[in-house]
């Protein structure tokens, strides 16, 4: 089996076990059994369980928020409302395992190794900074009144993470659909003027 497939199996097994037991409670032995791989293969790909956790964290933020990053850094073909609208739909309508992983790691943050806590903080701050930047580019009449851009960014991020956990508990897409409607309403994302 190729190294890439083995690494991917470990990441998938890590997510599965984290959702069941939490990061702190999952063991290397459970991981090996779930991935159907050897201890040597694990340590070939990751220095430790924390190394696996850091990679799951990085991958999850990349999957969830790289689209926003591309929009904000001008890497999209033609950025505008339709692109942010599409990114929000993708974030909130596709299977949200990666978003849920971010939410679950946030819930466990005080029990995570220091290196993972620091990485979670850095990724969260980067994501919030991108959201603030996007909100600041919106015309004032399109923003929710009574909140600063930082408060709006935190509100959206909290909404998305909370909804990712709730949608799994309810085993229904309704929570994610409601979050999408709320997000679109908060950002007043409609066809028309673009903030870019």
C-alpha atoms as a PDB file:
ATOM      1  CA  UNK A   1       0.000   0.000   0.000  1.00  0.00           C
ATOM      2  CA  UNK A   2       1.311   3.471  -0.841  1.00  0.00           C
ATOM      3  CA  UNK A   3       2.552   5.834   1.849  1.00  0.00           C
ATOM      4  CA  UNK A   4      -0.134   8.357   0.937  1.00  0.00           C
ATOM      5  CA  UNK A   5      -2.922   5.800   1.387  1.00  0.00           C
ATOM      6  CA  UNK A   6      -1.502   4.666   4.727  1.00  0.00           C
ATOM      7  CA  UNK A   7      -1.195   8.256   5.958  1.00  0.00           C
ATOM      8  CA  UNK A   8      -4.767   8.952   4.805  1.00  0.00           C
ATOM      9  CA  UNK A   9      -6.007   5.856   6.673  1.00  0.00           C
ATOM     10  CA  UNK A  10      -4.347   7.072   9.876  1.00  0.00           C
ATOM     11  CA  UNK A  11      -5.949  10.510   9.506  1.00  0.00           C
ATOM     12  CA  UNK A  12      -9.392   8.988   8.868  1.00  0.00           C
ATOM     13  CA  UNK A  13      -8.973   6.605  11.814  1.00  0.00           C
ATOM     14  CA  UNK A  14      -7.864   9.521  14.005  1.00  0.00           C
ATOM     15  CA  UNK A  15     -10.976  11.519  13.117  1.00  0.00           C
ATOM     16  CA  UNK A  16     -13.223   8.511  13.721  1.00  0.00           C
ATOM     17  CA  UNK A  17     -11.705   7.823  17.137  1.00  0.00           C
ATOM     18  CA  UNK A  18     -11.644  11.471  18.104  1.00  0.00           C
ATOM     19  CA  UNK A  19     -15.364  11.762  17.423  1.00  0.00           C
ATOM     20  CA  UNK A  20     -16.012   8.681  19.534  1.00  0.00           C
ATOM     21  CA  UNK A  21     -13.592   9.193  22.451  1.00  0.00           C
ATOM     22  CA  UNK A  22     -12.116  12.677  22.152  1.00  0.00           C
ATOM     23  CA  UNK A  23      -8.496  13.349  21.282  1.00  0.00           C
ATOM     24  CA  UNK A  24      -7.154  12.986  24.812  1.00  0.00           C
ATOM     25  CA  UNK A  25      -8.811   9.615  25.362  1.00  0.00           C
ATOM     26  CA  UNK A  26      -7.984   7.899  22.082  1.00  0.00           C
ATOM     27  CA  UNK A  27      -4.967   5.625  22.215  1.00  0.00           C
ATOM     28  CA  UNK A  28      -2.290   4.668  19.737  1.00  0.00           C
ATOM     29  CA  UNK A  29      -3.424   1.027  20.010  1.00  0.00           C
ATOM     30  CA  UNK A  30      -6.995   1.995  19.067  1.00  0.00           C
ATOM     31  CA  UNK A  31      -5.613   4.014  16.196  1.00  0.00           C
ATOM     32  CA  UNK A  32      -3.528   1.104  14.911  1.00  0.00           C
ATOM     33  CA  UNK A  33      -6.486  -1.251  15.133  1.00  0.00           C
ATOM     34  CA  UNK A  34      -8.902   1.171  13.443  1.00  0.00           C
ATOM     35  CA  UNK A  35      -6.425   1.987  10.654  1.00  0.00           C
ATOM     36  CA  UNK A  36      -5.468  -1.696  10.351  1.00  0.00           C
ATOM     37  CA  UNK A  37      -1.809  -0.709  10.271  1.00  0.00           C
ATOM     38  CA  UNK A  38       1.376  -1.362  12.187  1.00  0.00           C
ATOM     39  CA  UNK A  39       3.013   0.712  14.898  1.00  0.00           C
ATOM     40  CA  UNK A  40       6.028   1.120  12.633  1.00  0.00           C
ATOM     41  CA  UNK A  41       3.824   2.526   9.861  1.00  0.00           C
ATOM     42  CA  UNK A  42       2.323   5.010  12.313  1.00  0.00           C
ATOM     43  CA  UNK A  43       5.708   6.252  13.509  1.00  0.00           C
ATOM     44  CA  UNK A  44       6.946   6.410   9.933  1.00  0.00           C
ATOM     45  CA  UNK A  45       4.243   9.026   9.228  1.00  0.00           C
ATOM     46  CA  UNK A  46       3.876  10.775  12.601  1.00  0.00           C
ATOM     47  CA  UNK A  47       6.262  11.462  15.480  1.00  0.00           C
ATOM     48  CA  UNK A  48       3.511  10.963  18.034  1.00  0.00           C
ATOM     49  CA  UNK A  49      -0.225  11.052  18.648  1.00  0.00           C
ATOM     50  CA  UNK A  50       0.177  14.821  18.953  1.00  0.00           C
ATOM     51  CA  UNK A  51       1.808  14.859  15.501  1.00  0.00           C
ATOM     52  CA  UNK A  52      -1.254  13.116  14.113  1.00  0.00           C
ATOM     53  CA  UNK A  53      -3.477  15.607  15.962  1.00  0.00           C
ATOM     54  CA  UNK A  54      -1.588  18.557  14.495  1.00  0.00           C
ATOM     55  CA  UNK A  55      -1.976  17.156  10.999  1.00  0.00           C
ATOM     56  CA  UNK A  56      -5.714  16.500  11.511  1.00  0.00           C
ATOM     57  CA  UNK A  57      -6.063  20.076  12.759  1.00  0.00           C
ATOM     58  CA  UNK A  58      -4.145  21.567   9.807  1.00  0.00           C
ATOM     59  CA  UNK A  59      -6.046  19.450   7.292  1.00  0.00           C
ATOM     60  CA  UNK A  60      -9.404  20.408   8.828  1.00  0.00           C
ATOM     61  CA  UNK A  61      -8.705  24.136   8.729  1.00  0.00           C
ATOM     62  CA  UNK A  62      -7.433  23.788   5.147  1.00  0.00           C
ATOM     63  CA  UNK A  63     -10.550  21.921   4.018  1.00  0.00           C
ATOM     64  CA  UNK A  64     -12.928  24.318   5.773  1.00  0.00           C
ATOM     65  CA  UNK A  65     -11.317  27.704   5.293  1.00  0.00           C
ATOM     66  CA  UNK A  66      -8.928  27.596   2.310  1.00  0.00           C
ATOM     67  CA  UNK A  67     -11.779  28.804   0.088  1.00  0.00           C
ATOM     68  CA  UNK A  68     -12.183  31.934   2.202  1.00  0.00           C
ATOM     69  CA  UNK A  69      -8.430  32.445   2.193  1.00  0.00           C
ATOM     70  CA  UNK A  70      -8.328  32.162  -1.605  1.00  0.00           C
ATOM     71  CA  UNK A  71     -11.145  34.699  -1.929  1.00  0.00           C
ATOM     72  CA  UNK A  72      -9.457  37.149   0.418  1.00  0.00           C
ATOM     73  CA  UNK A  73      -6.053  36.814  -1.221  1.00  0.00           C
ATOM     74  CA  UNK A  74      -7.434  37.245  -4.734  1.00  0.00           C
ATOM     75  CA  UNK A  75      -6.736  33.668  -5.811  1.00  0.00           C
ATOM     76  CA  UNK A  76     -10.304  32.947  -6.942  1.00  0.00           C
ATOM     77  CA  UNK A  77     -11.093  33.342 -10.630  1.00  0.00           C
ATOM     78  CA  UNK A  78     -13.438  36.275 -10.056  1.00  0.00           C
ATOM     79  CA  UNK A  79     -14.097  36.943  -6.368  1.00  0.00           C
ATOM     80  CA  UNK A  80     -17.405  38.427  -5.388  1.00  0.00           C
ATOM     81  CA  UNK A  81     -20.675  37.716  -3.655  1.00  0.00           C
ATOM     82  CA  UNK A  82     -21.359  34.609  -5.713  1.00  0.00           C
ATOM     83  CA  UNK A  83     -18.020  33.155  -4.618  1.00  0.00           C
ATOM     84  CA  UNK A  84     -18.453  33.904  -0.917  1.00  0.00           C
ATOM     85  CA  UNK A  85     -21.998  32.585  -1.225  1.00  0.00           C
ATOM     86  CA  UNK A  86     -20.653  29.386  -2.801  1.00  0.00           C
ATOM     87  CA  UNK A  87     -17.960  29.020  -0.136  1.00  0.00           C
ATOM     88  CA  UNK A  88     -20.517  29.398   2.677  1.00  0.00           C
ATOM     89  CA  UNK A  89     -22.768  26.804   1.021  1.00  0.00           C
ATOM     90  CA  UNK A  90     -19.854  24.381   0.694  1.00  0.00           C
ATOM     91  CA  UNK A  91     -18.803  24.941   4.303  1.00  0.00           C
ATOM     92  CA  UNK A  92     -22.296  24.373   5.678  1.00  0.00           C
ATOM     93  CA  UNK A  93     -23.876  21.828   3.338  1.00  0.00           C
ATOM     94  CA  UNK A  94     -21.133  19.318   2.662  1.00  0.00           C
ATOM     95  CA  UNK A  95     -20.404  16.658   5.273  1.00  0.00           C
ATOM     96  CA  UNK A  96     -19.013  18.704   8.128  1.00  0.00           C
ATOM     97  CA  UNK A  97     -16.630  16.209   9.733  1.00  0.00           C
ATOM     98  CA  UNK A  98     -13.676  18.603   9.419  1.00  0.00           C
ATOM     99  CA  UNK A  99     -15.662  21.504  10.871  1.00  0.00           C
ATOM    100  CA  UNK A 100     -16.843  19.216  13.651  1.00  0.00           C
ATOM    101  CA  UNK A 101     -13.253  18.171  14.337  1.00  0.00           C
ATOM    102  CA  UNK A 102     -12.290  21.830  14.776  1.00  0.00           C
ATOM    103  CA  UNK A 103     -15.261  22.322  17.104  1.00  0.00           C
ATOM    104  CA  UNK A 104     -14.447  19.222  19.126  1.00  0.00           C
ATOM    105  CA  UNK A 105     -10.792  20.210  19.502  1.00  0.00           C
ATOM    106  CA  UNK A 106     -11.929  23.642  20.707  1.00  0.00           C
ATOM    107  CA  UNK A 107     -14.164  21.948  23.275  1.00  0.00           C
ATOM    108  CA  UNK A 108     -11.194  19.845  24.449  1.00  0.00           C
ATOM    109  CA  UNK A 109      -8.627  22.657  24.190  1.00  0.00           C
ATOM    110  CA  UNK A 110      -7.634  22.787  27.862  1.00  0.00           C
ATOM    111  CA  UNK A 111      -6.778  19.052  27.800  1.00  0.00           C
ATOM    112  CA  UNK A 112      -4.766  19.123  24.559  1.00  0.00           C
ATOM    113  CA  UNK A 113      -0.965  19.107  24.503  1.00  0.00           C
ATOM    114  CA  UNK A 114       0.492  22.641  24.479  1.00  0.00           C
ATOM    115  CA  UNK A 115       1.648  22.374  20.857  1.00  0.00           C
ATOM    116  CA  UNK A 116      -1.881  21.517  19.727  1.00  0.00           C
ATOM    117  CA  UNK A 117      -3.383  24.289  21.861  1.00  0.00           C
ATOM    118  CA  UNK A 118      -1.007  26.774  20.254  1.00  0.00           C
ATOM    119  CA  UNK A 119      -1.784  25.520  16.730  1.00  0.00           C
ATOM    120  CA  UNK A 120      -5.524  25.680  17.402  1.00  0.00           C
ATOM    121  CA  UNK A 121      -5.158  29.266  18.617  1.00  0.00           C
ATOM    122  CA  UNK A 122      -3.099  30.298  15.569  1.00  0.00           C
ATOM    123  CA  UNK A 123      -5.516  28.707  13.078  1.00  0.00           C
ATOM    124  CA  UNK A 124      -8.529  30.206  14.846  1.00  0.00           C
ATOM    125  CA  UNK A 125      -6.966  33.681  14.904  1.00  0.00           C
ATOM    126  CA  UNK A 126      -6.105  33.456  11.183  1.00  0.00           C
ATOM    127  CA  UNK A 127      -9.635  32.381  10.334  1.00  0.00           C
ATOM    128  CA  UNK A 128     -11.172  35.157  12.417  1.00  0.00           C
ATOM    129  CA  UNK A 129      -8.820  37.695  10.803  1.00  0.00           C
ATOM    130  CA  UNK A 130      -9.979  36.573   7.339  1.00  0.00           C
ATOM    131  CA  UNK A 131     -13.615  36.896   8.401  1.00  0.00           C
ATOM    132  CA  UNK A 132     -12.986  40.357   9.864  1.00  0.00           C
ATOM    133  CA  UNK A 133     -11.276  41.410   6.640  1.00  0.00           C
ATOM    134  CA  UNK A 134     -14.205  40.181   4.550  1.00  0.00           C
ATOM    135  CA  UNK A 135     -16.771  41.900   6.796  1.00  0.00           C
ATOM    136  CA  UNK A 136     -14.789  45.165   6.700  1.00  0.00           C
ATOM    137  CA  UNK A 137     -15.012  45.106   2.896  1.00  0.00           C
ATOM    138  CA  UNK A 138     -18.804  44.924   2.992  1.00  0.00           C
ATOM    139  CA  UNK A 139     -20.607  48.225   2.551  1.00  0.00           C
ATOM    140  CA  UNK A 140     -21.775  49.498   5.954  1.00  0.00           C
ATOM    141  CA  UNK A 141     -25.458  49.137   5.001  1.00  0.00           C
ATOM    142  CA  UNK A 142     -24.933  45.399   4.446  1.00  0.00           C
ATOM    143  CA  UNK A 143     -23.539  44.732   7.915  1.00  0.00           C
ATOM    144  CA  UNK A 144     -25.492  43.749  10.978  1.00  0.00           C
ATOM    145  CA  UNK A 145     -25.750  46.882  13.085  1.00  0.00           C
ATOM    146  CA  UNK A 146     -24.729  47.079  16.717  1.00  0.00           C
ATOM    147  CA  UNK A 147     -21.718  44.757  16.389  1.00  0.00           C
ATOM    148  CA  UNK A 148     -18.078  45.372  15.560  1.00  0.00           C
ATOM    149  CA  UNK A 149     -16.518  43.408  12.721  1.00  0.00           C
ATOM    150  CA  UNK A 150     -14.620  41.347  15.285  1.00  0.00           C
ATOM    151  CA  UNK A 151     -17.829  40.523  17.129  1.00  0.00           C
ATOM    152  CA  UNK A 152     -19.519  39.532  13.859  1.00  0.00           C
ATOM    153  CA  UNK A 153     -16.591  37.299  12.900  1.00  0.00           C
ATOM    154  CA  UNK A 154     -16.658  35.611  16.316  1.00  0.00           C
ATOM    155  CA  UNK A 155     -20.434  35.197  16.103  1.00  0.00           C
ATOM    156  CA  UNK A 156     -20.217  33.503  12.692  1.00  0.00           C
ATOM    157  CA  UNK A 157     -17.329  31.250  13.703  1.00  0.00           C
ATOM    158  CA  UNK A 158     -19.131  30.213  16.895  1.00  0.00           C
ATOM    159  CA  UNK A 159     -22.342  29.616  14.945  1.00  0.00           C
ATOM    160  CA  UNK A 160     -20.547  27.340  12.474  1.00  0.00           C
ATOM    161  CA  UNK A 161     -18.675  25.312  15.093  1.00  0.00           C
ATOM    162  CA  UNK A 162     -21.675  24.942  17.367  1.00  0.00           C
ATOM    163  CA  UNK A 163     -23.863  23.925  14.472  1.00  0.00           C
ATOM    164  CA  UNK A 164     -21.320  21.317  13.324  1.00  0.00           C
ATOM    165  CA  UNK A 165     -21.598  19.643  16.735  1.00  0.00           C
ATOM    166  CA  UNK A 166     -25.374  20.006  16.900  1.00  0.00           C
ATOM    167  CA  UNK A 167     -25.979  18.628  13.413  1.00  0.00           C
ATOM    168  CA  UNK A 168     -24.109  15.455  14.327  1.00  0.00           C
ATOM    169  CA  UNK A 169     -25.999  15.048  17.574  1.00  0.00           C
ATOM    170  CA  UNK A 170     -29.315  15.519  15.787  1.00  0.00           C
ATOM    171  CA  UNK A 171     -28.209  13.417  12.803  1.00  0.00           C
ATOM    172  CA  UNK A 172     -30.050  15.891  10.616  1.00  0.00           C
ATOM    173  CA  UNK A 173     -28.946  18.479   8.054  1.00  0.00           C
ATOM    174  CA  UNK A 174     -31.532  20.953   9.373  1.00  0.00           C
ATOM    175  CA  UNK A 175     -29.127  22.641  11.814  1.00  0.00           C
ATOM    176  CA  UNK A 176     -26.610  23.257   9.023  1.00  0.00           C
ATOM    177  CA  UNK A 177     -29.332  24.634   6.744  1.00  0.00           C
ATOM    178  CA  UNK A 178     -30.436  26.996   9.520  1.00  0.00           C
ATOM    179  CA  UNK A 179     -26.819  28.091  10.050  1.00  0.00           C
ATOM    180  CA  UNK A 180     -26.477  28.812   6.341  1.00  0.00           C
ATOM    181  CA  UNK A 181     -29.631  30.957   6.354  1.00  0.00           C
ATOM    182  CA  UNK A 182     -28.433  32.793   9.483  1.00  0.00           C
ATOM    183  CA  UNK A 183     -24.977  33.352   7.965  1.00  0.00           C
ATOM    184  CA  UNK A 184     -26.408  34.704   4.730  1.00  0.00           C
ATOM    185  CA  UNK A 185     -28.713  36.975   6.719  1.00  0.00           C
ATOM    186  CA  UNK A 186     -25.908  38.239   8.972  1.00  0.00           C
ATOM    187  CA  UNK A 187     -23.687  38.960   5.970  1.00  0.00           C
ATOM    188  CA  UNK A 188     -26.606  39.996   3.734  1.00  0.00           C
ATOM    189  CA  UNK A 189     -25.020  37.962   0.968  1.00  0.00           C
ATOM    190  CA  UNK A 190     -27.052  38.675  -2.126  1.00  0.00           C
ATOM    191  CA  UNK A 191     -26.334  39.096  -5.782  1.00  0.00           C
ATOM    192  CA  UNK A 192     -25.204  42.620  -6.473  1.00  0.00           C
ATOM    193  CA  UNK A 193     -22.439  44.816  -5.203  1.00  0.00           C
ATOM    194  CA  UNK A 194     -19.229  43.041  -4.324  1.00  0.00           C
ATOM    195  CA  UNK A 195     -16.931  44.041  -1.470  1.00  0.00           C
ATOM    196  CA  UNK A 196     -13.830  43.269  -3.531  1.00  0.00           C
END
